[in-house]
Amino acid sequence: MSSIIAYCGLTCHTCPIYLATRENDKTKQISIRIEIARLCKDQYGMEYEPEDINDCDGCRTEGGRLFSGCKDCQIRKCAMQRGYENCAWCDEYVCEKLEKFFVMDPSAKIRLDKIRNGFL
């Protein structure tokens, strides 16, 4: 599976929400969504119940399913308005929005830095 890099530097193909969307076993899917709700709270401070975790085809999808947290993402909105594939290409990289996000997920910064420097 090719890597889908989100605007913020997350990788969609390893995202539990993306993986739950593709899970055919409903019991496993429910279990994954329970874990996602916990992760959202612990890692990102976002309050979700398992039933709030909807299907997602990745934040760069056009017309596909999109996680509610991605719909409201200010990083996503900014990158889309500017027409960037991801934030690594932005003239204002690293902006305040990304700095705050990178505190919660430093691996996203590493990924975007690699893209910006031509290594991904």
N, C-alpha and C. Protein backbone atom coordinates (compact mmCIF):
# COMPACT_ATOMS: atom_id res chain seq x y z
N MET A 1 0.85 -1.17 0.00
CA MET A 1 0.00 0.00 0.00
C MET A 1 0.90 1.23 0.00
N SER A 2 0.64 2.18 -0.89
CA SER A 2 1.44 3.38 -0.92
C SER A 2 1.06 4.28 0.25
N SER A 3 2.00 5.07 0.68
CA SER A 3 1.80 5.94 1.83
C SER A 3 1.01 7.17 1.44
N ILE A 4 -0.02 7.46 2.20
CA ILE A 4 -0.78 8.69 2.02
C ILE A 4 -0.38 9.60 3.16
N ILE A 5 0.31 10.69 2.85
CA ILE A 5 0.74 11.64 3.86
C ILE A 5 -0.31 12.73 3.98
N ALA A 6 -0.82 12.90 5.19
CA ALA A 6 -1.81 13.94 5.46
C ALA A 6 -1.14 15.32 5.39
N TYR A 7 -1.92 16.35 5.31
CA TYR A 7 -1.40 17.72 5.26
C TYR A 7 -0.45 17.99 6.42
N CYS A 8 -0.76 17.47 7.60
CA CYS A 8 0.00 17.72 8.82
C CYS A 8 1.21 16.81 8.99
N GLY A 9 1.33 15.79 8.14
CA GLY A 9 2.45 14.88 8.24
C GLY A 9 2.12 13.51 8.78
N LEU A 10 0.89 13.29 9.24
CA LEU A 10 0.49 11.96 9.66
C LEU A 10 0.42 11.05 8.43
N THR A 11 0.57 9.75 8.65
CA THR A 11 0.42 8.81 7.53
C THR A 11 -0.93 8.12 7.65
N CYS A 12 -1.76 8.32 6.67
CA CYS A 12 -3.12 7.78 6.71
C CYS A 12 -3.12 6.25 6.76
N HIS A 13 -2.23 5.60 6.04
CA HIS A 13 -2.28 4.14 5.97
C HIS A 13 -1.92 3.47 7.30
N THR A 14 -1.41 4.22 8.27
CA THR A 14 -1.17 3.65 9.60
C THR A 14 -2.14 4.22 10.64
N CYS A 15 -3.00 5.11 10.24
CA CYS A 15 -3.97 5.73 11.15
C CYS A 15 -5.03 4.70 11.55
N PRO A 16 -5.30 4.57 12.85
CA PRO A 16 -6.30 3.60 13.28
C PRO A 16 -7.69 3.86 12.70
N ILE A 17 -8.03 5.12 12.47
CA ILE A 17 -9.35 5.44 11.90
C ILE A 17 -9.42 4.93 10.46
N TYR A 18 -8.38 5.17 9.70
CA TYR A 18 -8.28 4.69 8.32
C TYR A 18 -8.34 3.16 8.29
N LEU A 19 -7.62 2.53 9.22
CA LEU A 19 -7.59 1.06 9.28
C LEU A 19 -8.94 0.49 9.71
N ALA A 20 -9.61 1.14 10.65
CA ALA A 20 -10.94 0.68 11.08
C ALA A 20 -11.93 0.74 9.92
N THR A 21 -11.79 1.76 9.09
CA THR A 21 -12.66 1.91 7.93
C THR A 21 -12.54 0.71 7.00
N ARG A 22 -11.36 0.16 6.90
CA ARG A 22 -11.10 -0.95 5.99
C ARG A 22 -11.28 -2.33 6.62
N GLU A 23 -11.54 -2.37 7.91
CA GLU A 23 -11.71 -3.64 8.62
C GLU A 23 -13.08 -4.23 8.30
N ASN A 24 -13.10 -5.47 7.82
CA ASN A 24 -14.36 -6.13 7.47
C ASN A 24 -15.02 -6.81 8.65
N ASP A 25 -14.24 -7.22 9.63
CA ASP A 25 -14.77 -7.89 10.82
C ASP A 25 -15.35 -6.83 11.75
N LYS A 26 -16.67 -6.83 11.90
CA LYS A 26 -17.36 -5.79 12.69
C LYS A 26 -16.93 -5.78 14.15
N THR A 27 -16.64 -6.95 14.71
CA THR A 27 -16.18 -7.03 16.10
C THR A 27 -14.83 -6.34 16.26
N LYS A 28 -13.92 -6.61 15.33
CA LYS A 28 -12.61 -5.96 15.35
C LYS A 28 -12.76 -4.45 15.12
N GLN A 29 -13.66 -4.09 14.23
CA GLN A 29 -13.88 -2.68 13.92
C GLN A 29 -14.34 -1.92 15.17
N ILE A 30 -15.25 -2.49 15.92
CA ILE A 30 -15.73 -1.86 17.16
C ILE A 30 -14.59 -1.74 18.16
N SER A 31 -13.80 -2.78 18.29
CA SER A 31 -12.66 -2.76 19.20
C SER A 31 -11.67 -1.66 18.82
N ILE A 32 -11.39 -1.53 17.54
CA ILE A 32 -10.48 -0.49 17.05
C ILE A 32 -11.05 0.89 17.36
N ARG A 33 -12.34 1.08 17.16
CA ARG A 33 -12.97 2.39 17.41
C ARG A 33 -12.94 2.75 18.90
N ILE A 34 -13.05 1.76 19.77
CA ILE A 34 -12.92 2.01 21.22
C ILE A 34 -11.51 2.52 21.52
N GLU A 35 -10.53 1.87 20.94
CA GLU A 35 -9.13 2.27 21.14
C GLU A 35 -8.88 3.65 20.54
N ILE A 36 -9.46 3.95 19.41
CA ILE A 36 -9.29 5.26 18.78
C ILE A 36 -9.81 6.36 19.69
N ALA A 37 -10.98 6.15 20.27
CA ALA A 37 -11.56 7.16 21.18
C ALA A 37 -10.61 7.42 22.34
N ARG A 38 -10.01 6.36 22.88
CA ARG A 38 -9.04 6.52 23.97
C ARG A 38 -7.81 7.28 23.51
N LEU A 39 -7.28 6.92 22.34
CA LEU A 39 -6.10 7.59 21.79
C LEU A 39 -6.35 9.07 21.51
N CYS A 40 -7.52 9.37 20.96
CA CYS A 40 -7.86 10.77 20.67
C CYS A 40 -7.80 11.61 21.94
N LYS A 41 -8.30 11.06 23.02
CA LYS A 41 -8.29 11.78 24.30
C LYS A 41 -6.87 11.88 24.86
N ASP A 42 -6.18 10.74 24.92
CA ASP A 42 -4.86 10.70 25.55
C ASP A 42 -3.80 11.48 24.77
N GLN A 43 -3.80 11.35 23.44
CA GLN A 43 -2.74 11.96 22.64
C GLN A 43 -3.08 13.37 22.15
N TYR A 44 -4.35 13.61 21.82
CA TYR A 44 -4.71 14.88 21.19
C TYR A 44 -5.68 15.72 22.01
N GLY A 45 -6.14 15.21 23.16
CA GLY A 45 -7.07 15.96 24.00
C GLY A 45 -8.45 16.13 23.38
N MET A 46 -8.82 15.24 22.48
CA MET A 46 -10.11 15.30 21.79
C MET A 46 -11.06 14.29 22.42
N GLU A 47 -12.23 14.74 22.79
CA GLU A 47 -13.21 13.88 23.46
C GLU A 47 -14.15 13.25 22.43
N TYR A 48 -14.01 11.94 22.24
CA TYR A 48 -14.89 11.20 21.35
C TYR A 48 -15.36 9.92 22.05
N GLU A 49 -16.54 9.50 21.72
CA GLU A 49 -17.05 8.19 22.10
C GLU A 49 -16.79 7.27 20.91
N PRO A 50 -16.68 5.97 21.13
CA PRO A 50 -16.42 5.05 20.01
C PRO A 50 -17.42 5.22 18.85
N GLU A 51 -18.67 5.50 19.18
CA GLU A 51 -19.67 5.66 18.11
C GLU A 51 -19.48 6.97 17.33
N ASP A 52 -18.65 7.88 17.84
CA ASP A 52 -18.35 9.13 17.13
C ASP A 52 -17.28 8.94 16.06
N ILE A 53 -16.59 7.82 16.11
CA ILE A 53 -15.48 7.57 15.18
C ILE A 53 -16.07 7.03 13.88
N ASN A 54 -16.20 7.91 12.92
CA ASN A 54 -16.79 7.54 11.64
C ASN A 54 -15.70 7.09 10.65
N ASP A 55 -16.12 6.56 9.52
CA ASP A 55 -15.19 6.08 8.50
C ASP A 55 -14.41 7.23 7.88
N CYS A 56 -13.19 6.92 7.42
CA CYS A 56 -12.33 7.94 6.82
C CYS A 56 -11.46 7.30 5.74
N ASP A 57 -11.36 7.99 4.60
CA ASP A 57 -10.51 7.55 3.50
C ASP A 57 -9.24 8.39 3.40
N GLY A 58 -8.95 9.17 4.43
CA GLY A 58 -7.77 10.03 4.46
C GLY A 58 -8.16 11.48 4.28
N CYS A 59 -7.44 12.38 4.93
CA CYS A 59 -7.86 13.79 4.94
C CYS A 59 -7.71 14.47 3.59
N ARG A 60 -6.96 13.87 2.68
CA ARG A 60 -6.81 14.47 1.36
C ARG A 60 -7.82 13.93 0.36
N THR A 61 -8.73 13.09 0.83
CA THR A 61 -9.74 12.54 -0.06
C THR A 61 -10.67 13.64 -0.57
N GLU A 62 -11.09 13.49 -1.79
CA GLU A 62 -12.05 14.44 -2.35
C GLU A 62 -13.35 13.70 -2.59
N GLY A 63 -14.37 14.04 -1.83
CA GLY A 63 -15.67 13.43 -1.99
C GLY A 63 -15.83 12.10 -1.29
N GLY A 64 -14.79 11.63 -0.61
CA GLY A 64 -14.86 10.37 0.11
C GLY A 64 -15.27 10.57 1.56
N ARG A 65 -15.17 9.51 2.32
CA ARG A 65 -15.50 9.57 3.74
C ARG A 65 -14.37 10.27 4.48
N LEU A 66 -14.75 11.09 5.46
CA LEU A 66 -13.77 11.88 6.19
C LEU A 66 -14.12 11.91 7.67
N PHE A 67 -13.14 11.59 8.51
CA PHE A 67 -13.32 11.63 9.96
C PHE A 67 -13.72 13.04 10.39
N SER A 68 -14.66 13.13 11.30
CA SER A 68 -15.17 14.43 11.74
C SER A 68 -14.06 15.33 12.26
N GLY A 69 -13.06 14.76 12.94
CA GLY A 69 -11.93 15.56 13.42
C GLY A 69 -11.14 16.17 12.28
N CYS A 70 -11.07 15.49 11.16
CA CYS A 70 -10.37 16.01 9.98
C CYS A 70 -11.17 17.13 9.32
N LYS A 71 -12.48 17.02 9.33
CA LYS A 71 -13.32 18.05 8.73
C LYS A 71 -13.10 19.40 9.40
N ASP A 72 -12.86 19.38 10.71
CA ASP A 72 -12.68 20.61 11.47
C ASP A 72 -11.23 21.03 11.62
N CYS A 73 -10.30 20.29 11.05
CA CYS A 73 -8.87 20.54 11.24
C CYS A 73 -8.44 21.85 10.55
N GLN A 74 -7.89 22.75 11.34
CA GLN A 74 -7.43 24.04 10.80
C GLN A 74 -6.19 23.89 9.92
N ILE A 75 -5.36 22.92 10.21
CA ILE A 75 -4.18 22.66 9.38
C ILE A 75 -4.64 22.20 8.00
N ARG A 76 -5.58 21.29 7.96
CA ARG A 76 -6.13 20.79 6.69
C ARG A 76 -6.75 21.92 5.89
N LYS A 77 -7.57 22.73 6.54
CA LYS A 77 -8.24 23.84 5.85
C LYS A 77 -7.23 24.80 5.25
N CYS A 78 -6.19 25.13 6.00
CA CYS A 78 -5.17 26.05 5.53
C CYS A 78 -4.44 25.50 4.31
N ALA A 79 -3.98 24.25 4.40
CA ALA A 79 -3.25 23.64 3.29
C ALA A 79 -4.11 23.53 2.04
N MET A 80 -5.39 23.19 2.22
CA MET A 80 -6.29 23.08 1.07
C MET A 80 -6.49 24.45 0.42
N GLN A 81 -6.69 25.48 1.23
CA GLN A 81 -6.88 26.84 0.69
C GLN A 81 -5.66 27.30 -0.10
N ARG A 82 -4.49 26.89 0.37
CA ARG A 82 -3.25 27.30 -0.29
C ARG A 82 -2.88 26.38 -1.45
N GLY A 83 -3.57 25.25 -1.56
CA GLY A 83 -3.33 24.32 -2.66
C GLY A 83 -2.10 23.44 -2.50
N TYR A 84 -1.69 23.19 -1.26
CA TYR A 84 -0.52 22.36 -1.01
C TYR A 84 -0.89 20.89 -0.84
N GLU A 85 -0.02 20.03 -1.30
CA GLU A 85 -0.19 18.58 -1.10
C GLU A 85 -0.05 18.25 0.39
N ASN A 86 0.86 18.94 1.04
CA ASN A 86 1.01 18.87 2.50
C ASN A 86 1.78 20.11 2.95
N CYS A 87 1.88 20.28 4.23
CA CYS A 87 2.45 21.50 4.79
C CYS A 87 3.95 21.65 4.56
N ALA A 88 4.63 20.60 4.18
CA ALA A 88 6.07 20.68 3.93
C ALA A 88 6.39 21.69 2.82
N TRP A 89 5.45 21.91 1.93
CA TRP A 89 5.68 22.79 0.78
C TRP A 89 5.32 24.24 1.04
N CYS A 90 4.80 24.53 2.21
CA CYS A 90 4.34 25.88 2.52
C CYS A 90 5.52 26.82 2.82
N ASP A 91 5.40 28.06 2.34
CA ASP A 91 6.43 29.07 2.61
C ASP A 91 6.50 29.43 4.09
N GLU A 92 5.42 29.19 4.82
CA GLU A 92 5.37 29.52 6.25
C GLU A 92 5.65 28.32 7.14
N TYR A 93 6.17 27.23 6.56
CA TYR A 93 6.51 26.04 7.34
C TYR A 93 7.67 26.38 8.27
N VAL A 94 7.61 26.14 9.49
CA VAL A 94 6.63 25.59 10.39
C VAL A 94 5.84 26.74 11.00
N CYS A 95 4.54 26.72 10.83
CA CYS A 95 3.66 27.76 11.38
C CYS A 95 3.25 27.42 12.81
N GLU A 96 2.55 28.33 13.44
CA GLU A 96 2.11 28.14 14.82
C GLU A 96 1.18 26.94 14.97
N LYS A 97 0.27 26.75 14.00
CA LYS A 97 -0.65 25.60 14.07
C LYS A 97 0.13 24.28 14.09
N LEU A 98 1.12 24.20 13.22
CA LEU A 98 1.92 22.97 13.15
C LEU A 98 2.78 22.79 14.39
N GLU A 99 3.35 23.87 14.90
CA GLU A 99 4.17 23.77 16.11
C GLU A 99 3.37 23.15 17.25
N LYS A 100 2.14 23.59 17.42
CA LYS A 100 1.27 23.04 18.48
C LYS A 100 0.97 21.57 18.21
N PHE A 101 0.71 21.23 16.95
CA PHE A 101 0.42 19.85 16.60
C PHE A 101 1.63 18.95 16.81
N PHE A 102 2.82 19.43 16.44
CA PHE A 102 4.03 18.63 16.56
C PHE A 102 4.36 18.28 18.01
N VAL A 103 3.91 19.10 18.95
CA VAL A 103 4.10 18.77 20.37
C VAL A 103 3.35 17.48 20.68
N MET A 104 2.17 17.31 20.08
CA MET A 104 1.36 16.11 20.31
C MET A 104 1.84 14.92 19.49
N ASP A 105 2.43 15.19 18.31
CA ASP A 105 2.86 14.10 17.43
C ASP A 105 4.15 14.48 16.71
N PRO A 106 5.30 14.34 17.39
CA PRO A 106 6.58 14.74 16.80
C PRO A 106 6.95 13.97 15.53
N SER A 107 6.43 12.76 15.36
CA SER A 107 6.77 11.99 14.16
C SER A 107 6.24 12.67 12.90
N ALA A 108 5.17 13.43 13.02
CA ALA A 108 4.63 14.15 11.86
C ALA A 108 5.63 15.20 11.37
N LYS A 109 6.30 15.87 12.29
CA LYS A 109 7.31 16.86 11.91
C LYS A 109 8.48 16.19 11.21
N ILE A 110 8.93 15.08 11.74
CA ILE A 110 10.04 14.35 11.12
C ILE A 110 9.69 14.00 9.68
N ARG A 111 8.47 13.53 9.48
CA ARG A 111 8.01 13.13 8.14
C ARG A 111 7.98 14.35 7.20
N LEU A 112 7.40 15.46 7.67
CA LEU A 112 7.33 16.65 6.82
C LEU A 112 8.71 17.23 6.55
N ASP A 113 9.60 17.19 7.54
CA ASP A 113 10.97 17.66 7.33
C ASP A 113 11.65 16.83 6.23
N LYS A 114 11.43 15.53 6.24
CA LYS A 114 12.01 14.65 5.21
C LYS A 114 11.47 15.02 3.83
N ILE A 115 10.17 15.26 3.75
CA ILE A 115 9.57 15.66 2.47
C ILE A 115 10.16 16.98 2.01
N ARG A 116 10.23 17.94 2.91
CA ARG A 116 10.75 19.27 2.59
C ARG A 116 12.20 19.20 2.11
N ASN A 117 12.96 18.27 2.66
CA ASN A 117 14.37 18.13 2.30
C ASN A 117 14.61 17.12 1.17
N GLY A 118 13.52 16.61 0.58
CA GLY A 118 13.63 15.73 -0.58
C GLY A 118 13.95 14.28 -0.27
N PHE A 119 13.70 13.83 0.97
CA PHE A 119 14.03 12.46 1.33
C PHE A 119 12.80 11.53 1.32
N LEU A 120 11.62 12.04 1.10
CA LEU A 120 10.40 11.20 1.01
C LEU A 120 9.67 11.53 -0.27
